[in-house]
Amino acid sequence: MVAAITKEAVLQKNYLEGQVDTIYFGGGTPSLLPGHLLQKILQVLTDNFTVAENAEITLETNPDDINPDSLFQWKQAGINRLSIGIQSFSDEDLRWMNRAHSAVQAEASVKQALEAGFQNMTIDLIYGTPGLSDRQWELNLQKAFSFQIPHISCYALTVEPNTALANRIQKNKAADVDPDTQARQFSLLTQNMQHAGYEHYEISNFARPGFRSRHNSSYWQGESYLGLGPSAHSFNGTRRQWNIANNSLYLQSLEKDLIPFESEDLTTIQKINEFIMIRLRTMDGISLTELTAVFDREKTEQLTKAARKHVAAGHLIVTDTQIRLSESGKFLADGIAADLFFE
């Protein structure tokens, strides 16, 4: 697999223009890969792309994969930022989510990462799970704050169709999520984060000054990106492409120097709807000046008109230059964006 991914990188070396500022190992469990193979991939990337000297290089990892040896290997490989899938600091929550790690391991993973010199890190936390009290949710947040973690991503539990959880809920073997509880815990989240000195710069993301995710921010600004490996997605500004998900077919294709992908050219309507969806999730919102420059004034006027009912409901704030979510609108972001989409 590493040989195939590095070959794809070579074949795609002209996909991006300019300097590469961020590299992200994710989309699975990349922390299972030995450090020397991570280093091999990074070496191929630096040999074939113009990678910035101060590039943000992130590795997704689970708490149970973190130990002094793995942390040392990752630093040697060139990883300078960790994304740790904590989910919760409570054993009860972790058992309900069927996570492999314990609360003790969750805390230990953060402590060990800090001791190893990973000052730039983010953790994931989940709220709105059945049985999670408001008190326990706030204790989870306070535990994260106690470690001075510079970046925290928090997500409301969603039940995906055709999953084990969905099946358990359907058979009344597990409680379903409660939207009112999730909305209340989202409100507690924003209040606690603000009090602890984090900026709410995207719906699910909070950062201390200077620690915004540069990689994710590039997605939200609509910049081009290249994805490598099975199921990886890429975007060059006008066309989106995605590799096949089948590992065997992916490997067989790369052995023949072929990249197995499908693609689509985005229509103007698709582009403007993505612009609305992505920008609305950020604290800066939708720039009407940029919208007019990229598309046209008529689209800006249509969007401003469509936003009026959400302004009246108190969920959107509209100025001469910007449309952004109010505090009450943040939990409703996806629905509001969908309502603003152009047909």
C-alpha atoms as a PDB file:
ATOM      1  CA  MET A   1       0.000   0.000   0.000  1.00  0.00           C
ATOM      2  CA  VAL A   2       2.811   2.429   0.812  1.00  0.00           C
ATOM      3  CA  ALA A   3       4.450   1.625  -2.531  1.00  0.00           C
ATOM      4  CA  ALA A   4       1.155   2.350  -4.316  1.00  0.00           C
ATOM      5  CA  ILE A   5       0.548   5.611  -2.442  1.00  0.00           C
ATOM      6  CA  THR A   6       4.054   6.880  -3.139  1.00  0.00           C
ATOM      7  CA  LYS A   7       3.714   5.927  -6.806  1.00  0.00           C
ATOM      8  CA  GLU A   8       0.422   7.828  -6.976  1.00  0.00           C
ATOM      9  CA  ALA A   9       2.176  10.838  -5.453  1.00  0.00           C
ATOM     10  CA  VAL A  10       4.786  10.762  -8.219  1.00  0.00           C
ATOM     11  CA  LEU A  11       2.108  10.415 -10.911  1.00  0.00           C
ATOM     12  CA  GLN A  12       0.189  13.336  -9.403  1.00  0.00           C
ATOM     13  CA  LYS A  13       3.157  15.652  -8.831  1.00  0.00           C
ATOM     14  CA  ASN A  14       1.784  18.244 -11.254  1.00  0.00           C
ATOM     15  CA  TYR A  15      -1.756  18.249  -9.810  1.00  0.00           C
ATOM     16  CA  LEU A  16      -1.132  21.142  -7.429  1.00  0.00           C
ATOM     17  CA  GLU A  17       0.333  24.505  -8.322  1.00  0.00           C
ATOM     18  CA  GLY A  18       2.602  26.344  -5.929  1.00  0.00           C
ATOM     19  CA  GLN A  19       3.697  25.470  -2.432  1.00  0.00           C
ATOM     20  CA  VAL A  20       2.277  22.716  -0.229  1.00  0.00           C
ATOM     21  CA  ASP A  21       1.624  24.173   3.226  1.00  0.00           C
ATOM     22  CA  THR A  22      -0.108  21.238   4.947  1.00  0.00           C
ATOM     23  CA  ILE A  23       0.042  17.439   4.867  1.00  0.00           C
ATOM     24  CA  TYR A  24      -2.534  15.304   6.658  1.00  0.00           C
ATOM     25  CA  PHE A  25      -2.360  11.569   7.404  1.00  0.00           C
ATOM     26  CA  GLY A  26      -5.922  10.499   8.115  1.00  0.00           C
ATOM     27  CA  GLY A  27      -9.014   8.810   6.819  1.00  0.00           C
ATOM     28  CA  GLY A  28      -8.325   5.529   8.649  1.00  0.00           C
ATOM     29  CA  THR A  29      -5.791   4.614  11.305  1.00  0.00           C
ATOM     30  CA  PRO A  30      -2.471   5.876   9.911  1.00  0.00           C
ATOM     31  CA  SER A  31      -0.903   5.627  13.375  1.00  0.00           C
ATOM     32  CA  LEU A  32      -0.681   1.850  12.823  1.00  0.00           C
ATOM     33  CA  LEU A  33       1.936   2.495  10.132  1.00  0.00           C
ATOM     34  CA  PRO A  34       5.553   2.132  11.353  1.00  0.00           C
ATOM     35  CA  GLY A  35       7.443   5.405  11.628  1.00  0.00           C
ATOM     36  CA  HIS A  36       9.945   4.570   8.894  1.00  0.00           C
ATOM     37  CA  LEU A  37       7.099   4.105   6.381  1.00  0.00           C
ATOM     38  CA  LEU A  38       5.544   7.436   7.332  1.00  0.00           C
ATOM     39  CA  GLN A  39       8.989   8.911   6.783  1.00  0.00           C
ATOM     40  CA  LYS A  40       9.203   7.227   3.372  1.00  0.00           C
ATOM     41  CA  ILE A  41       5.913   8.766   2.273  1.00  0.00           C
ATOM     42  CA  LEU A  42       6.981  12.208   3.479  1.00  0.00           C
ATOM     43  CA  GLN A  43      10.293  11.886   1.666  1.00  0.00           C
ATOM     44  CA  VAL A  44       8.513  11.126  -1.627  1.00  0.00           C
ATOM     45  CA  LEU A  45       6.237  14.126  -1.074  1.00  0.00           C
ATOM     46  CA  THR A  46       9.141  16.491  -0.424  1.00  0.00           C
ATOM     47  CA  ASP A  47      10.975  15.096  -3.470  1.00  0.00           C
ATOM     48  CA  ASN A  48       8.016  15.686  -5.807  1.00  0.00           C
ATOM     49  CA  PHE A  49       6.267  18.751  -4.378  1.00  0.00           C
ATOM     50  CA  THR A  50       7.400  22.119  -3.085  1.00  0.00           C
ATOM     51  CA  VAL A  51       6.699  21.556   0.603  1.00  0.00           C
ATOM     52  CA  ALA A  52       6.996  24.609   2.853  1.00  0.00           C
ATOM     53  CA  GLU A  53       9.697  24.478   5.531  1.00  0.00           C
ATOM     54  CA  ASN A  54       7.103  25.261   8.198  1.00  0.00           C
ATOM     55  CA  ALA A  55       4.436  22.936   6.749  1.00  0.00           C
ATOM     56  CA  GLU A  56       1.821  21.667   9.185  1.00  0.00           C
ATOM     57  CA  ILE A  57       2.100  17.859   9.112  1.00  0.00           C
ATOM     58  CA  THR A  58      -0.695  16.134  11.032  1.00  0.00           C
ATOM     59  CA  LEU A  59      -1.168  12.492  11.990  1.00  0.00           C
ATOM     60  CA  GLU A  60      -4.495  11.078  13.151  1.00  0.00           C
ATOM     61  CA  THR A  61      -4.101   8.592  15.976  1.00  0.00           C
ATOM     62  CA  ASN A  62      -6.082   6.717  18.597  1.00  0.00           C
ATOM     63  CA  PRO A  63      -5.085   6.917  22.287  1.00  0.00           C
ATOM     64  CA  ASP A  64      -4.246   3.198  22.386  1.00  0.00           C
ATOM     65  CA  ASP A  65      -1.633   3.673  19.621  1.00  0.00           C
ATOM     66  CA  ILE A  66       0.267   6.297  21.605  1.00  0.00           C
ATOM     67  CA  ASN A  67       3.348   5.355  23.621  1.00  0.00           C
ATOM     68  CA  PRO A  68       6.827   6.874  24.057  1.00  0.00           C
ATOM     69  CA  ASP A  69       8.263   4.771  21.222  1.00  0.00           C
ATOM     70  CA  SER A  70       5.555   5.636  18.681  1.00  0.00           C
ATOM     71  CA  LEU A  71       5.757   9.330  19.595  1.00  0.00           C
ATOM     72  CA  PHE A  72       9.526   9.284  19.094  1.00  0.00           C
ATOM     73  CA  GLN A  73       9.125   7.607  15.680  1.00  0.00           C
ATOM     74  CA  TRP A  74       6.526  10.142  14.555  1.00  0.00           C
ATOM     75  CA  LYS A  75       8.713  13.087  15.501  1.00  0.00           C
ATOM     76  CA  GLN A  76      11.660  11.493  13.695  1.00  0.00           C
ATOM     77  CA  ALA A  77       9.471  11.012  10.618  1.00  0.00           C
ATOM     78  CA  GLY A  78       8.576  14.706  10.557  1.00  0.00           C
ATOM     79  CA  ILE A  79       5.100  14.740  12.107  1.00  0.00           C
ATOM     80  CA  ASN A  80       4.611  18.025  13.992  1.00  0.00           C
ATOM     81  CA  ARG A  81       0.899  17.905  14.876  1.00  0.00           C
ATOM     82  CA  LEU A  82      -1.296  15.147  16.317  1.00  0.00           C
ATOM     83  CA  SER A  83      -5.048  14.634  16.029  1.00  0.00           C
ATOM     84  CA  ILE A  84      -6.079  12.287  18.845  1.00  0.00           C
ATOM     85  CA  GLY A  85      -9.461  10.547  18.771  1.00  0.00           C
ATOM     86  CA  ILE A  86     -10.236  10.887  22.471  1.00  0.00           C
ATOM     87  CA  GLN A  87     -14.077  11.089  22.053  1.00  0.00           C
ATOM     88  CA  SER A  88     -14.552  11.128  25.843  1.00  0.00           C
ATOM     89  CA  PHE A  89     -12.652  11.055  29.134  1.00  0.00           C
ATOM     90  CA  SER A  90     -15.401   8.880  30.659  1.00  0.00           C
ATOM     91  CA  ASP A  91     -15.287   5.060  30.628  1.00  0.00           C
ATOM     92  CA  GLU A  92     -19.085   4.910  30.513  1.00  0.00           C
ATOM     93  CA  ASP A  93     -19.167   6.996  27.308  1.00  0.00           C
ATOM     94  CA  LEU A  94     -16.311   5.052  25.738  1.00  0.00           C
ATOM     95  CA  ARG A  95     -17.978   1.695  26.432  1.00  0.00           C
ATOM     96  CA  TRP A  96     -21.230   2.957  24.907  1.00  0.00           C
ATOM     97  CA  MET A  97     -19.317   4.095  21.797  1.00  0.00           C
ATOM     98  CA  ASN A  98     -17.509   0.734  21.696  1.00  0.00           C
ATOM     99  CA  ARG A  99     -14.116   2.423  21.710  1.00  0.00           C
ATOM    100  CA  ALA A 100     -10.987   0.324  22.190  1.00  0.00           C
ATOM    101  CA  HIS A 101      -9.351   2.688  24.683  1.00  0.00           C
ATOM    102  CA  SER A 102     -10.187   3.545  28.291  1.00  0.00           C
ATOM    103  CA  ALA A 103     -10.440   6.874  30.091  1.00  0.00           C
ATOM    104  CA  VAL A 104      -7.047   6.215  31.680  1.00  0.00           C
ATOM    105  CA  GLN A 105      -5.522   5.670  28.229  1.00  0.00           C
ATOM    106  CA  ALA A 106      -7.200   8.837  26.954  1.00  0.00           C
ATOM    107  CA  GLU A 107      -5.547  10.944  29.643  1.00  0.00           C
ATOM    108  CA  ALA A 108      -2.218   9.139  29.346  1.00  0.00           C
ATOM    109  CA  SER A 109      -2.090   9.658  25.571  1.00  0.00           C
ATOM    110  CA  VAL A 110      -2.385  13.430  25.940  1.00  0.00           C
ATOM    111  CA  LYS A 111       0.183  13.585  28.751  1.00  0.00           C
ATOM    112  CA  GLN A 112       2.682  11.461  26.811  1.00  0.00           C
ATOM    113  CA  ALA A 113       2.223  13.508  23.636  1.00  0.00           C
ATOM    114  CA  LEU A 114       2.906  16.717  25.550  1.00  0.00           C
ATOM    115  CA  GLU A 115       5.944  15.202  27.251  1.00  0.00           C
ATOM    116  CA  ALA A 116       7.254  14.122  23.834  1.00  0.00           C
ATOM    117  CA  GLY A 117       7.129  17.748  22.659  1.00  0.00           C
ATOM    118  CA  PHE A 118       3.917  17.763  20.605  1.00  0.00           C
ATOM    119  CA  GLN A 119       2.697  21.199  21.643  1.00  0.00           C
ATOM    120  CA  ASN A 120       0.533  21.464  18.532  1.00  0.00           C
ATOM    121  CA  MET A 121      -2.281  18.955  18.818  1.00  0.00           C
ATOM    122  CA  THR A 122      -6.032  18.585  18.594  1.00  0.00           C
ATOM    123  CA  ILE A 123      -8.435  16.142  20.191  1.00  0.00           C
ATOM    124  CA  ASP A 124     -11.917  15.022  19.168  1.00  0.00           C
ATOM    125  CA  LEU A 125     -14.807  14.960  21.643  1.00  0.00           C
ATOM    126  CA  ILE A 126     -18.382  13.763  21.060  1.00  0.00           C
ATOM    127  CA  TYR A 127     -21.513  15.107  22.741  1.00  0.00           C
ATOM    128  CA  GLY A 128     -25.202  14.297  22.551  1.00  0.00           C
ATOM    129  CA  THR A 129     -24.822  10.574  23.192  1.00  0.00           C
ATOM    130  CA  PRO A 130     -27.723   8.905  25.037  1.00  0.00           C
ATOM    131  CA  GLY A 131     -26.917   8.877  28.740  1.00  0.00           C
ATOM    132  CA  LEU A 132     -24.384  11.723  28.592  1.00  0.00           C
ATOM    133  CA  SER A 133     -25.478  14.231  31.217  1.00  0.00           C
ATOM    134  CA  ASP A 134     -24.794  17.923  30.901  1.00  0.00           C
ATOM    135  CA  ARG A 135     -22.572  17.643  33.965  1.00  0.00           C
ATOM    136  CA  GLN A 136     -20.478  14.853  32.456  1.00  0.00           C
ATOM    137  CA  TRP A 137     -20.163  16.778  29.191  1.00  0.00           C
ATOM    138  CA  GLU A 138     -18.812  19.804  31.044  1.00  0.00           C
ATOM    139  CA  LEU A 139     -16.415  17.568  32.996  1.00  0.00           C
ATOM    140  CA  ASN A 140     -15.102  16.230  29.665  1.00  0.00           C
ATOM    141  CA  LEU A 141     -14.423  19.776  28.526  1.00  0.00           C
ATOM    142  CA  GLN A 142     -12.793  20.775  31.795  1.00  0.00           C
ATOM    143  CA  LYS A 143     -10.504  17.748  31.593  1.00  0.00           C
ATOM    144  CA  ALA A 144      -9.400  18.831  28.107  1.00  0.00           C
ATOM    145  CA  PHE A 145      -8.826  22.388  29.348  1.00  0.00           C
ATOM    146  CA  SER A 146      -6.680  21.105  32.218  1.00  0.00           C
ATOM    147  CA  PHE A 147      -4.106  19.825  29.698  1.00  0.00           C
ATOM    148  CA  GLN A 148      -3.964  23.204  27.907  1.00  0.00           C
ATOM    149  CA  ILE A 149      -4.791  21.455  24.623  1.00  0.00           C
ATOM    150  CA  PRO A 150      -4.564  24.186  21.962  1.00  0.00           C
ATOM    151  CA  HIS A 151      -7.234  22.860  19.570  1.00  0.00           C
ATOM    152  CA  ILE A 152     -10.416  20.887  20.206  1.00  0.00           C
ATOM    153  CA  SER A 153     -12.950  19.532  17.695  1.00  0.00           C
ATOM    154  CA  CYS A 154     -16.393  18.638  19.065  1.00  0.00           C
ATOM    155  CA  TYR A 155     -19.095  16.764  17.187  1.00  0.00           C
ATOM    156  CA  ALA A 156     -22.689  15.876  17.928  1.00  0.00           C
ATOM    157  CA  LEU A 157     -23.258  12.131  17.656  1.00  0.00           C
ATOM    158  CA  THR A 158     -24.907  11.234  14.368  1.00  0.00           C
ATOM    159  CA  VAL A 159     -26.456   7.842  13.643  1.00  0.00           C
ATOM    160  CA  GLU A 160     -25.479   6.742  10.144  1.00  0.00           C
ATOM    161  CA  PRO A 161     -27.847   4.386   8.271  1.00  0.00           C
ATOM    162  CA  ASN A 162     -26.941   0.699   8.048  1.00  0.00           C
ATOM    163  CA  THR A 163     -24.506   0.834  10.974  1.00  0.00           C
ATOM    164  CA  ALA A 164     -24.441  -1.381  14.058  1.00  0.00           C
ATOM    165  CA  LEU A 165     -25.688   1.554  16.158  1.00  0.00           C
ATOM    166  CA  ALA A 166     -28.577   2.274  13.790  1.00  0.00           C
ATOM    167  CA  ASN A 167     -29.535  -1.391  13.922  1.00  0.00           C
ATOM    168  CA  ARG A 168     -29.458  -1.429  17.744  1.00  0.00           C
ATOM    169  CA  ILE A 169     -31.636   1.698  17.922  1.00  0.00           C
ATOM    170  CA  GLN A 170     -34.107   0.259  15.410  1.00  0.00           C
ATOM    171  CA  LYS A 171     -34.454  -2.877  17.551  1.00  0.00           C
ATOM    172  CA  ASN A 172     -34.879  -0.765  20.720  1.00  0.00           C
ATOM    173  CA  LYS A 173     -31.640  -2.148  22.127  1.00  0.00           C
ATOM    174  CA  ALA A 174     -30.143   1.348  22.379  1.00  0.00           C
ATOM    175  CA  ALA A 175     -31.600   4.790  23.004  1.00  0.00           C
ATOM    176  CA  ASP A 176     -31.854   7.179  20.068  1.00  0.00           C
ATOM    177  CA  VAL A 177     -30.213  10.600  20.104  1.00  0.00           C
ATOM    178  CA  ASP A 178     -32.248  13.523  21.421  1.00  0.00           C
ATOM    179  CA  PRO A 179     -31.960  16.734  19.342  1.00  0.00           C
ATOM    180  CA  ASP A 180     -32.934  18.924  22.309  1.00  0.00           C
ATOM    181  CA  THR A 181     -30.146  17.429  24.423  1.00  0.00           C
ATOM    182  CA  GLN A 182     -27.650  17.918  21.606  1.00  0.00           C
ATOM    183  CA  ALA A 183     -28.690  21.551  21.160  1.00  0.00           C
ATOM    184  CA  ARG A 184     -28.357  22.193  24.896  1.00  0.00           C
ATOM    185  CA  GLN A 185     -24.932  20.534  25.075  1.00  0.00           C
ATOM    186  CA  PHE A 186     -23.805  22.511  22.029  1.00  0.00           C
ATOM    187  CA  SER A 187     -24.749  25.681  23.898  1.00  0.00           C
ATOM    188  CA  LEU A 188     -22.787  24.497  26.949  1.00  0.00           C
ATOM    189  CA  LEU A 189     -19.869  23.753  24.631  1.00  0.00           C
ATOM    190  CA  THR A 190     -19.714  27.253  23.167  1.00  0.00           C
ATOM    191  CA  GLN A 191     -20.059  28.890  26.592  1.00  0.00           C
ATOM    192  CA  ASN A 192     -17.310  26.786  28.174  1.00  0.00           C
ATOM    193  CA  MET A 193     -14.975  27.259  25.225  1.00  0.00           C
ATOM    194  CA  GLN A 194     -15.379  31.019  25.255  1.00  0.00           C
ATOM    195  CA  HIS A 195     -14.764  31.146  29.004  1.00  0.00           C
ATOM    196  CA  ALA A 196     -11.590  29.031  28.552  1.00  0.00           C
ATOM    197  CA  GLY A 197     -10.177  31.392  25.906  1.00  0.00           C
ATOM    198  CA  TYR A 198     -10.856  29.421  22.714  1.00  0.00           C
ATOM    199  CA  GLU A 199     -12.122  31.071  19.539  1.00  0.00           C
ATOM    200  CA  HIS A 200     -15.047  29.340  17.841  1.00  0.00           C
ATOM    201  CA  TYR A 201     -13.638  29.670  14.334  1.00  0.00           C
ATOM    202  CA  GLU A 202     -15.723  26.912  12.682  1.00  0.00           C
ATOM    203  CA  ILE A 203     -18.917  25.174  13.791  1.00  0.00           C
ATOM    204  CA  SER A 204     -17.140  22.124  15.261  1.00  0.00           C
ATOM    205  CA  ASN A 205     -13.684  23.605  15.851  1.00  0.00           C
ATOM    206  CA  PHE A 206     -12.201  25.683  18.652  1.00  0.00           C
ATOM    207  CA  ALA A 207      -8.648  26.986  18.903  1.00  0.00           C
ATOM    208  CA  ARG A 208      -6.426  28.985  21.190  1.00  0.00           C
ATOM    209  CA  PRO A 209      -4.854  31.987  19.422  1.00  0.00           C
ATOM    210  CA  GLY A 210      -2.377  30.830  16.766  1.00  0.00           C
ATOM    211  CA  PHE A 211      -3.531  27.203  16.753  1.00  0.00           C
ATOM    212  CA  ARG A 212      -6.261  27.065  14.122  1.00  0.00           C
ATOM    213  CA  SER A 213      -5.979  23.988  11.914  1.00  0.00           C
ATOM    214  CA  ARG A 214      -4.198  25.266   8.814  1.00  0.00           C
ATOM    215  CA  HIS A 215      -5.150  22.125   6.908  1.00  0.00           C
ATOM    216  CA  ASN A 216      -8.884  22.254   7.599  1.00  0.00           C
ATOM    217  CA  SER A 217      -8.918  26.013   7.109  1.00  0.00           C
ATOM    218  CA  SER A 218      -7.684  25.502   3.549  1.00  0.00           C
ATOM    219  CA  TYR A 219     -10.748  23.331   2.833  1.00  0.00           C
ATOM    220  CA  TRP A 220     -13.054  26.004   4.225  1.00  0.00           C
ATOM    221  CA  GLN A 221     -11.388  28.623   2.020  1.00  0.00           C
ATOM    222  CA  GLY A 222     -11.989  26.505  -1.089  1.00  0.00           C
ATOM    223  CA  GLU A 223      -8.295  25.926  -1.820  1.00  0.00           C
ATOM    224  CA  SER A 224      -7.064  23.066  -4.024  1.00  0.00           C
ATOM    225  CA  TYR A 225      -5.957  19.814  -2.415  1.00  0.00           C
ATOM    226  CA  LEU A 226      -4.659  16.401  -3.428  1.00  0.00           C
ATOM    227  CA  GLY A 227      -5.754  13.154  -1.774  1.00  0.00           C
ATOM    228  CA  LEU A 228      -3.664   9.983  -2.047  1.00  0.00           C
ATOM    229  CA  GLY A 229      -4.797   6.401  -1.406  1.00  0.00           C
ATOM    230  CA  PRO A 230      -8.041   4.401  -1.703  1.00  0.00           C
ATOM    231  CA  SER A 231     -11.199   6.562  -1.433  1.00  0.00           C
ATOM    232  CA  ALA A 232      -9.099   9.757  -1.341  1.00  0.00           C
ATOM    233  CA  HIS A 233     -10.709  12.910  -2.762  1.00  0.00           C
ATOM    234  CA  SER A 234      -8.963  15.716  -4.642  1.00  0.00           C
ATOM    235  CA  PHE A 235     -10.055  19.166  -5.829  1.00  0.00           C
ATOM    236  CA  ASN A 236      -8.327  21.601  -8.186  1.00  0.00           C
ATOM    237  CA  GLY A 237     -10.781  24.478  -8.080  1.00  0.00           C
ATOM    238  CA  THR A 238     -13.054  23.334 -10.889  1.00  0.00           C
ATOM    239  CA  ARG A 239     -13.003  19.537 -10.854  1.00  0.00           C
ATOM    240  CA  ARG A 240     -13.493  17.057  -8.036  1.00  0.00           C
ATOM    241  CA  GLN A 241     -12.125  13.532  -8.244  1.00  0.00           C
ATOM    242  CA  TRP A 242     -12.135  10.493  -5.982  1.00  0.00           C
ATOM    243  CA  ASN A 243     -10.175   7.262  -6.006  1.00  0.00           C
ATOM    244  CA  ILE A 244     -11.933   3.910  -5.916  1.00  0.00           C
ATOM    245  CA  ALA A 245     -12.506   2.462  -2.446  1.00  0.00           C
ATOM    246  CA  ASN A 246     -11.474  -1.102  -3.256  1.00  0.00           C
ATOM    247  CA  ASN A 247      -7.947  -1.706  -1.944  1.00  0.00           C
ATOM    248  CA  SER A 248      -7.129  -4.586  -4.307  1.00  0.00           C
ATOM    249  CA  LEU A 249      -8.238  -2.722  -7.428  1.00  0.00           C
ATOM    250  CA  TYR A 250      -6.372   0.380  -6.257  1.00  0.00           C
ATOM    251  CA  LEU A 251      -3.138  -1.632  -5.852  1.00  0.00           C
ATOM    252  CA  GLN A 252      -3.567  -3.427  -9.189  1.00  0.00           C
ATOM    253  CA  SER A 253      -4.091  -0.126 -11.024  1.00  0.00           C
ATOM    254  CA  LEU A 254      -1.032   1.538  -9.504  1.00  0.00           C
ATOM    255  CA  GLU A 255       1.090  -1.472 -10.462  1.00  0.00           C
ATOM    256  CA  LYS A 256       0.202  -0.480 -14.047  1.00  0.00           C
ATOM    257  CA  ASP A 257       0.963   3.213 -13.366  1.00  0.00           C
ATOM    258  CA  LEU A 258      -2.742   4.049 -13.556  1.00  0.00           C
ATOM    259  CA  ILE A 259      -4.699   6.075 -10.984  1.00  0.00           C
ATOM    260  CA  PRO A 260      -8.173   4.545 -10.573  1.00  0.00           C
ATOM    261  CA  PHE A 261     -10.498   7.500 -10.067  1.00  0.00           C
ATOM    262  CA  GLU A 262     -13.773   9.055 -11.121  1.00  0.00           C
ATOM    263  CA  SER A 263     -14.306  12.771 -11.501  1.00  0.00           C
ATOM    264  CA  GLU A 264     -16.835  15.500 -12.168  1.00  0.00           C
ATOM    265  CA  ASP A 265     -16.598  19.088 -13.347  1.00  0.00           C
ATOM    266  CA  LEU A 266     -18.497  21.317 -10.952  1.00  0.00           C
ATOM    267  CA  THR A 267     -21.292  23.438 -12.386  1.00  0.00           C
ATOM    268  CA  THR A 268     -21.666  27.081 -11.403  1.00  0.00           C
ATOM    269  CA  ILE A 269     -24.579  26.146  -9.150  1.00  0.00           C
ATOM    270  CA  GLN A 270     -22.522  23.434  -7.436  1.00  0.00           C
ATOM    271  CA  LYS A 271     -19.660  25.871  -6.907  1.00  0.00           C
ATOM    272  CA  ILE A 272     -21.833  28.576  -5.385  1.00  0.00           C
ATOM    273  CA  ASN A 273     -23.659  26.091  -3.127  1.00  0.00           C
ATOM    274  CA  GLU A 274     -20.344  24.712  -1.850  1.00  0.00           C
ATOM    275  CA  PHE A 275     -19.183  28.289  -1.298  1.00  0.00           C
ATOM    276  CA  ILE A 276     -22.296  28.930   0.809  1.00  0.00           C
ATOM    277  CA  MET A 277     -22.102  25.660   2.750  1.00  0.00           C
ATOM    278  CA  ILE A 278     -18.411  25.838   3.619  1.00  0.00           C
ATOM    279  CA  ARG A 279     -18.061  29.564   4.318  1.00  0.00           C
ATOM    280  CA  LEU A 280     -21.209  29.730   6.439  1.00  0.00           C
ATOM    281  CA  ARG A 281     -19.656  27.229   8.870  1.00  0.00           C
ATOM    282  CA  THR A 282     -16.794  29.602   9.681  1.00  0.00           C
ATOM    283  CA  MET A 283     -16.771  32.563  12.063  1.00  0.00           C
ATOM    284  CA  ASP A 284     -16.076  34.900   9.119  1.00  0.00           C
ATOM    285  CA  GLY A 285     -19.163  33.693   7.269  1.00  0.00           C
ATOM    286  CA  ILE A 286     -19.902  34.426   3.616  1.00  0.00           C
ATOM    287  CA  SER A 287     -18.054  37.382   2.153  1.00  0.00           C
ATOM    288  CA  LEU A 288     -20.518  39.171  -0.123  1.00  0.00           C
ATOM    289  CA  THR A 289     -17.638  41.013  -1.779  1.00  0.00           C
ATOM    290  CA  GLU A 290     -15.937  37.725  -2.680  1.00  0.00           C
ATOM    291  CA  LEU A 291     -19.236  36.164  -3.738  1.00  0.00           C
ATOM    292  CA  THR A 292     -19.855  39.023  -6.168  1.00  0.00           C
ATOM    293  CA  ALA A 293     -16.287  38.875  -7.508  1.00  0.00           C
ATOM    294  CA  VAL A 294     -16.315  35.086  -8.034  1.00  0.00           C
ATOM    295  CA  PHE A 295     -19.876  34.806  -9.340  1.00  0.00           C
ATOM    296  CA  ASP A 296     -21.955  37.970  -9.940  1.00  0.00           C
ATOM    297  CA  ARG A 297     -23.954  40.679  -8.198  1.00  0.00           C
ATOM    298  CA  GLU A 298     -27.280  39.060  -9.093  1.00  0.00           C
ATOM    299  CA  LYS A 299     -26.362  35.917  -7.122  1.00  0.00           C
ATOM    300  CA  THR A 300     -25.363  38.088  -4.157  1.00  0.00           C
ATOM    301  CA  GLU A 301     -28.690  39.903  -4.231  1.00  0.00           C
ATOM    302  CA  GLN A 302     -30.600  36.603  -4.470  1.00  0.00           C
ATOM    303  CA  LEU A 303     -28.695  35.165  -1.529  1.00  0.00           C
ATOM    304  CA  THR A 304     -29.245  38.262   0.613  1.00  0.00           C
ATOM    305  CA  LYS A 305     -32.949  38.093  -0.140  1.00  0.00           C
ATOM    306  CA  ALA A 306     -33.123  34.382   0.763  1.00  0.00           C
ATOM    307  CA  ALA A 307     -31.355  35.112   4.049  1.00  0.00           C
ATOM    308  CA  ARG A 308     -34.029  37.553   5.277  1.00  0.00           C
ATOM    309  CA  LYS A 309     -36.267  34.988   6.979  1.00  0.00           C
ATOM    310  CA  HIS A 310     -33.295  33.579   8.905  1.00  0.00           C
ATOM    311  CA  VAL A 311     -32.321  37.114   9.933  1.00  0.00           C
ATOM    312  CA  ALA A 312     -35.887  37.641  11.168  1.00  0.00           C
ATOM    313  CA  ALA A 313     -35.662  34.380  13.153  1.00  0.00           C
ATOM    314  CA  GLY A 314     -32.418  35.578  14.737  1.00  0.00           C
ATOM    315  CA  HIS A 315     -30.248  32.869  13.167  1.00  0.00           C
ATOM    316  CA  LEU A 316     -28.314  34.962  10.615  1.00  0.00           C
ATOM    317  CA  ILE A 317     -26.585  38.333  10.746  1.00  0.00           C
ATOM    318  CA  VAL A 318     -26.341  40.264   7.459  1.00  0.00           C
ATOM    319  CA  THR A 319     -24.204  43.358   6.872  1.00  0.00           C
ATOM    320  CA  ASP A 320     -23.151  45.159   3.693  1.00  0.00           C
ATOM    321  CA  THR A 321     -20.177  42.827   3.349  1.00  0.00           C
ATOM    322  CA  GLN A 322     -21.037  39.615   5.183  1.00  0.00           C
ATOM    323  CA  ILE A 323     -23.591  36.931   6.014  1.00  0.00           C
ATOM    324  CA  ARG A 324     -22.762  34.946   9.129  1.00  0.00           C
ATOM    325  CA  LEU A 325     -24.464  32.767  11.699  1.00  0.00           C
ATOM    326  CA  SER A 326     -25.645  34.172  15.005  1.00  0.00           C
ATOM    327  CA  GLU A 327     -25.025  32.180  18.174  1.00  0.00           C
ATOM    328  CA  SER A 328     -28.482  30.614  17.939  1.00  0.00           C
ATOM    329  CA  GLY A 329     -27.957  29.799  14.278  1.00  0.00           C
ATOM    330  CA  LYS A 330     -24.732  27.848  14.729  1.00  0.00           C
ATOM    331  CA  PHE A 331     -26.445  24.608  15.778  1.00  0.00           C
ATOM    332  CA  LEU A 332     -28.737  24.935  12.715  1.00  0.00           C
ATOM    333  CA  ALA A 333     -25.939  25.632  10.228  1.00  0.00           C
ATOM    334  CA  ASP A 334     -26.530  22.702   7.870  1.00  0.00           C
ATOM    335  CA  GLY A 335     -30.253  23.336   7.572  1.00  0.00           C
ATOM    336  CA  ILE A 336     -29.787  27.064   7.026  1.00  0.00           C
ATOM    337  CA  ALA A 337     -27.137  26.463   4.347  1.00  0.00           C
ATOM    338  CA  ALA A 338     -29.390  23.975   2.544  1.00  0.00           C
ATOM    339  CA  ASP A 339     -32.213  26.527   2.578  1.00  0.00           C
ATOM    340  CA  LEU A 340     -29.913  29.133   0.987  1.00  0.00           C
ATOM    341  CA  PHE A 341     -28.767  26.819  -1.821  1.00  0.00           C
ATOM    342  CA  PHE A 342     -29.493  27.798  -5.403  1.00  0.00           C
ATOM    343  CA  GLU A 343     -31.628  25.331  -7.355  1.00  0.00           C
END
